[in-house]
């Protein structure tokens, strides 16, 4: 996914955290705003970017996502860019399960 590659190449923790947060949003008011066709994509990107305090490059990525009405991809965008980061740093994601609480 080209959006995930762009997010990964930005190497901006704030932008990555923003995408992670947007992927998990379940508030109907925010979903309504994001899906509102009467609000210009640039305005949506400006509002969201200023709320998270991200750089201009990240705001441009948001604008493209909103212009192409691809806002449903935030979870996939986060997942793929996270895997790209893990791979580039020679790391693997591990899930640990235990019957007892660990310290």
N, C-alpha and C. Protein backbone atom coordinates (compact mmCIF):
# COMPACT_ATOMS: atom_id res chain seq x y z
N UNK A 1 0.85 -1.18 0.00
CA UNK A 1 0.00 0.00 0.00
C UNK A 1 0.90 1.24 0.00
N UNK A 2 0.70 2.09 -0.99
CA UNK A 2 1.58 3.25 -1.14
C UNK A 2 1.45 4.24 0.02
N UNK A 3 0.27 4.38 0.61
CA UNK A 3 0.12 5.29 1.74
C UNK A 3 0.97 4.85 2.92
N UNK A 4 1.02 3.55 3.17
CA UNK A 4 1.82 3.03 4.28
C UNK A 4 3.30 3.26 4.03
N UNK A 5 3.72 3.12 2.78
CA UNK A 5 5.13 3.37 2.44
C UNK A 5 5.47 4.84 2.69
N UNK A 6 4.57 5.73 2.32
CA UNK A 6 4.80 7.17 2.56
C UNK A 6 4.87 7.44 4.06
N UNK A 7 3.93 6.88 4.83
CA UNK A 7 3.94 7.08 6.27
C UNK A 7 5.25 6.57 6.87
N UNK A 8 5.68 5.40 6.44
CA UNK A 8 6.94 4.83 6.93
C UNK A 8 8.12 5.73 6.58
N UNK A 9 8.16 6.24 5.36
CA UNK A 9 9.28 7.07 4.91
C UNK A 9 9.30 8.43 5.60
N UNK A 10 8.16 8.89 6.11
CA UNK A 10 8.14 10.16 6.84
C UNK A 10 8.94 10.07 8.14
N UNK A 11 8.98 8.89 8.72
CA UNK A 11 9.71 8.65 9.98
C UNK A 11 9.35 9.71 11.03
N UNK A 12 8.06 9.96 11.12
CA UNK A 12 7.54 10.97 12.04
C UNK A 12 6.68 10.28 13.10
N UNK A 13 7.18 10.17 14.34
CA UNK A 13 6.41 9.48 15.38
C UNK A 13 5.04 10.11 15.63
N UNK A 14 4.94 11.44 15.53
CA UNK A 14 3.64 12.10 15.74
C UNK A 14 2.64 11.69 14.66
N UNK A 15 3.11 11.61 13.44
CA UNK A 15 2.24 11.22 12.33
C UNK A 15 1.79 9.77 12.51
N UNK A 16 2.72 8.92 12.88
CA UNK A 16 2.41 7.51 13.11
C UNK A 16 1.39 7.38 14.25
N UNK A 17 1.59 8.13 15.33
CA UNK A 17 0.64 8.09 16.46
C UNK A 17 -0.73 8.61 16.05
N UNK A 18 -0.74 9.63 15.20
CA UNK A 18 -2.00 10.18 14.72
C UNK A 18 -2.78 9.11 13.94
N UNK A 19 -2.10 8.41 13.05
CA UNK A 19 -2.75 7.36 12.26
C UNK A 19 -3.25 6.25 13.18
N UNK A 20 -2.45 5.91 14.17
CA UNK A 20 -2.86 4.87 15.14
C UNK A 20 -4.14 5.30 15.86
N UNK A 21 -4.19 6.54 16.27
CA UNK A 21 -5.38 7.07 16.96
C UNK A 21 -6.58 7.10 16.02
N UNK A 22 -6.39 7.57 14.80
CA UNK A 22 -7.49 7.63 13.84
C UNK A 22 -8.02 6.24 13.51
N UNK A 23 -7.14 5.25 13.54
CA UNK A 23 -7.56 3.87 13.26
C UNK A 23 -8.50 3.34 14.34
N UNK A 24 -8.36 3.86 15.55
CA UNK A 24 -9.13 3.33 16.67
C UNK A 24 -10.33 4.19 17.07
N UNK A 25 -10.56 5.28 16.38
CA UNK A 25 -11.66 6.18 16.72
C UNK A 25 -13.00 5.50 16.47
N UNK A 26 -13.86 5.59 17.49
CA UNK A 26 -15.18 4.98 17.38
C UNK A 26 -16.28 6.01 17.65
N UNK A 27 -15.90 7.27 17.75
CA UNK A 27 -16.85 8.34 18.04
C UNK A 27 -17.63 8.70 16.77
N UNK A 28 -18.94 8.61 16.83
CA UNK A 28 -19.79 8.86 15.66
C UNK A 28 -19.69 10.29 15.15
N UNK A 29 -19.47 11.26 16.04
CA UNK A 29 -19.34 12.65 15.62
C UNK A 29 -18.11 12.85 14.74
N UNK A 30 -17.03 12.20 15.13
CA UNK A 30 -15.79 12.32 14.34
C UNK A 30 -15.95 11.60 13.00
N UNK A 31 -16.56 10.43 13.03
CA UNK A 31 -16.80 9.69 11.79
C UNK A 31 -17.69 10.51 10.84
N UNK A 32 -18.69 11.18 11.40
CA UNK A 32 -19.56 12.02 10.59
C UNK A 32 -18.77 13.16 9.96
N UNK A 33 -17.90 13.79 10.74
CA UNK A 33 -17.07 14.88 10.22
C UNK A 33 -16.16 14.38 9.09
N UNK A 34 -15.50 13.26 9.32
CA UNK A 34 -14.57 12.72 8.33
C UNK A 34 -15.29 12.34 7.04
N UNK A 35 -16.52 11.86 7.16
CA UNK A 35 -17.28 11.43 5.98
C UNK A 35 -18.13 12.54 5.36
N UNK A 36 -18.12 13.72 5.95
CA UNK A 36 -18.97 14.82 5.48
C UNK A 36 -18.47 15.36 4.13
N UNK A 37 -19.27 15.20 3.06
CA UNK A 37 -18.84 15.65 1.74
C UNK A 37 -18.86 17.17 1.59
N UNK A 38 -19.48 17.89 2.54
CA UNK A 38 -19.54 19.35 2.44
C UNK A 38 -18.28 20.02 2.99
N UNK A 39 -17.44 19.25 3.68
CA UNK A 39 -16.19 19.79 4.21
C UNK A 39 -15.07 19.41 3.24
N UNK A 40 -14.34 20.40 2.76
CA UNK A 40 -13.26 20.17 1.81
C UNK A 40 -12.17 19.29 2.42
N UNK A 41 -11.57 18.40 1.64
CA UNK A 41 -10.49 17.54 2.15
C UNK A 41 -9.35 18.33 2.80
N UNK A 42 -9.00 19.47 2.20
CA UNK A 42 -7.92 20.28 2.78
C UNK A 42 -8.31 20.77 4.17
N UNK A 43 -9.57 21.16 4.35
CA UNK A 43 -10.04 21.62 5.65
C UNK A 43 -9.99 20.49 6.68
N UNK A 44 -10.41 19.31 6.26
CA UNK A 44 -10.36 18.15 7.16
C UNK A 44 -8.91 17.88 7.57
N UNK A 45 -8.02 17.88 6.58
CA UNK A 45 -6.60 17.62 6.86
C UNK A 45 -6.03 18.69 7.79
N UNK A 46 -6.37 19.95 7.55
CA UNK A 46 -5.88 21.04 8.40
C UNK A 46 -6.35 20.87 9.84
N UNK A 47 -7.62 20.55 10.02
CA UNK A 47 -8.18 20.41 11.37
C UNK A 47 -7.55 19.23 12.09
N UNK A 48 -7.49 18.09 11.42
CA UNK A 48 -6.93 16.90 12.06
C UNK A 48 -5.43 17.09 12.35
N UNK A 49 -4.70 17.61 11.37
CA UNK A 49 -3.26 17.82 11.55
C UNK A 49 -2.96 18.80 12.68
N UNK A 50 -3.73 19.87 12.77
CA UNK A 50 -3.49 20.84 13.85
C UNK A 50 -3.87 20.25 15.21
N UNK A 51 -4.85 19.37 15.23
CA UNK A 51 -5.24 18.72 16.49
C UNK A 51 -4.11 17.84 17.03
N UNK A 52 -3.36 17.23 16.13
CA UNK A 52 -2.27 16.34 16.53
C UNK A 52 -0.90 17.02 16.50
N UNK A 53 -0.83 18.21 15.93
CA UNK A 53 0.43 18.94 15.86
C UNK A 53 1.48 18.28 14.99
N UNK A 54 1.04 17.77 13.83
CA UNK A 54 1.97 17.08 12.94
C UNK A 54 2.57 18.02 11.90
N UNK A 55 3.64 17.57 11.28
CA UNK A 55 4.35 18.36 10.27
C UNK A 55 3.53 18.47 8.98
N UNK A 56 3.99 19.37 8.12
CA UNK A 56 3.32 19.63 6.85
C UNK A 56 3.26 18.39 5.96
N UNK A 57 4.30 17.58 5.96
CA UNK A 57 4.33 16.37 5.14
C UNK A 57 3.21 15.41 5.54
N UNK A 58 3.00 15.29 6.83
CA UNK A 58 1.95 14.41 7.34
C UNK A 58 0.58 14.98 6.97
N UNK A 59 0.45 16.28 7.03
CA UNK A 59 -0.81 16.92 6.66
C UNK A 59 -1.12 16.68 5.18
N UNK A 60 -0.08 16.69 4.34
CA UNK A 60 -0.30 16.41 2.91
C UNK A 60 -0.77 14.97 2.70
N UNK A 61 -0.22 14.04 3.47
CA UNK A 61 -0.67 12.65 3.39
C UNK A 61 -2.15 12.56 3.77
N UNK A 62 -2.54 13.23 4.84
CA UNK A 62 -3.95 13.26 5.25
C UNK A 62 -4.83 13.84 4.14
N UNK A 63 -4.37 14.92 3.55
CA UNK A 63 -5.15 15.57 2.49
C UNK A 63 -5.41 14.61 1.33
N UNK A 64 -4.38 13.88 0.94
CA UNK A 64 -4.54 12.91 -0.16
C UNK A 64 -5.52 11.81 0.25
N UNK A 65 -5.41 11.33 1.47
CA UNK A 65 -6.33 10.29 1.95
C UNK A 65 -7.76 10.81 1.92
N UNK A 66 -7.96 12.02 2.40
CA UNK A 66 -9.32 12.59 2.41
C UNK A 66 -9.81 12.89 0.99
N UNK A 67 -8.93 13.37 0.11
CA UNK A 67 -9.33 13.66 -1.27
C UNK A 67 -9.82 12.41 -1.99
N UNK A 68 -9.17 11.29 -1.71
CA UNK A 68 -9.53 10.04 -2.37
C UNK A 68 -10.54 9.22 -1.56
N UNK A 69 -11.08 9.86 -0.53
CA UNK A 69 -12.11 9.22 0.32
C UNK A 69 -11.65 7.84 0.80
N UNK A 70 -10.41 7.80 1.28
CA UNK A 70 -9.82 6.54 1.73
C UNK A 70 -9.69 6.49 3.26
N UNK A 71 -10.54 7.23 3.98
CA UNK A 71 -10.41 7.31 5.43
C UNK A 71 -10.65 5.99 6.14
N UNK A 72 -11.24 5.00 5.49
CA UNK A 72 -11.46 3.70 6.11
C UNK A 72 -10.17 2.88 6.19
N UNK A 73 -9.08 3.37 5.61
CA UNK A 73 -7.84 2.60 5.57
C UNK A 73 -6.91 2.86 6.74
N UNK A 74 -7.29 3.70 7.70
CA UNK A 74 -6.35 4.06 8.76
C UNK A 74 -5.82 2.85 9.52
N UNK A 75 -6.66 1.85 9.78
CA UNK A 75 -6.18 0.67 10.50
C UNK A 75 -5.16 -0.09 9.65
N UNK A 76 -5.46 -0.31 8.38
CA UNK A 76 -4.52 -1.00 7.51
C UNK A 76 -3.23 -0.18 7.34
N UNK A 77 -3.39 1.12 7.22
CA UNK A 77 -2.24 2.01 7.09
C UNK A 77 -1.32 1.87 8.30
N UNK A 78 -1.91 1.87 9.48
CA UNK A 78 -1.12 1.70 10.71
C UNK A 78 -0.44 0.33 10.73
N UNK A 79 -1.21 -0.73 10.47
CA UNK A 79 -0.67 -2.10 10.55
C UNK A 79 0.49 -2.31 9.57
N UNK A 80 0.31 -1.86 8.33
CA UNK A 80 1.35 -2.08 7.32
C UNK A 80 2.60 -1.26 7.61
N UNK A 81 2.41 0.01 7.99
CA UNK A 81 3.59 0.84 8.27
C UNK A 81 4.32 0.34 9.51
N UNK A 82 3.59 -0.21 10.49
CA UNK A 82 4.22 -0.79 11.68
C UNK A 82 5.07 -2.00 11.27
N UNK A 83 4.55 -2.84 10.39
CA UNK A 83 5.30 -4.01 9.92
C UNK A 83 6.54 -3.58 9.13
N UNK A 84 6.41 -2.52 8.34
CA UNK A 84 7.57 -1.99 7.61
C UNK A 84 8.64 -1.50 8.58
N UNK A 85 8.21 -0.82 9.65
CA UNK A 85 9.16 -0.33 10.65
C UNK A 85 9.86 -1.50 11.34
N UNK A 86 9.09 -2.51 11.73
CA UNK A 86 9.68 -3.68 12.37
C UNK A 86 10.73 -4.33 11.46
N UNK A 87 10.35 -4.53 10.20
CA UNK A 87 11.26 -5.18 9.25
C UNK A 87 12.53 -4.36 9.05
N UNK A 88 12.39 -3.04 8.92
CA UNK A 88 13.56 -2.19 8.68
C UNK A 88 14.50 -2.13 9.88
N UNK A 89 13.98 -2.44 11.06
CA UNK A 89 14.79 -2.43 12.27
C UNK A 89 15.15 -3.83 12.76
N UNK A 90 14.96 -4.81 11.87
CA UNK A 90 15.27 -6.21 12.19
C UNK A 90 14.61 -6.66 13.50
N UNK A 91 13.34 -6.35 13.61
CA UNK A 91 12.57 -6.72 14.80
C UNK A 91 11.35 -7.52 14.37
N UNK A 92 10.79 -8.24 15.33
CA UNK A 92 9.56 -8.98 15.08
C UNK A 92 8.60 -8.70 16.21
N UNK A 93 7.34 -8.66 15.87
CA UNK A 93 6.32 -8.46 16.89
C UNK A 93 6.05 -9.80 17.56
N UNK A 94 6.03 -9.78 18.89
CA UNK A 94 5.83 -10.99 19.66
C UNK A 94 4.62 -10.78 20.57
N UNK A 95 3.78 -11.79 20.63
CA UNK A 95 2.63 -11.77 21.53
C UNK A 95 2.90 -12.79 22.62
N UNK A 96 2.90 -12.35 23.84
CA UNK A 96 3.18 -13.21 24.97
C UNK A 96 1.90 -13.42 25.76
N UNK A 97 1.57 -14.67 26.01
CA UNK A 97 0.40 -14.99 26.82
C UNK A 97 0.84 -15.79 28.03
N UNK A 98 0.28 -15.48 29.15
CA UNK A 98 0.66 -16.15 30.38
C UNK A 98 -0.59 -16.41 31.21
N UNK A 99 -0.57 -17.53 31.91
CA UNK A 99 -1.68 -17.84 32.80
C UNK A 99 -1.62 -16.98 34.06
N UNK A 100 -0.44 -16.48 34.37
CA UNK A 100 -0.27 -15.63 35.55
C UNK A 100 0.12 -14.23 35.12
N UNK A 101 -0.23 -13.28 35.95
CA UNK A 101 0.15 -11.89 35.69
C UNK A 101 1.66 -11.74 35.82
N UNK A 102 2.28 -11.10 34.82
CA UNK A 102 3.73 -10.91 34.83
C UNK A 102 4.09 -9.51 35.31
N UNK A 103 5.20 -9.39 35.95
CA UNK A 103 5.69 -8.08 36.40
C UNK A 103 6.44 -7.39 35.29
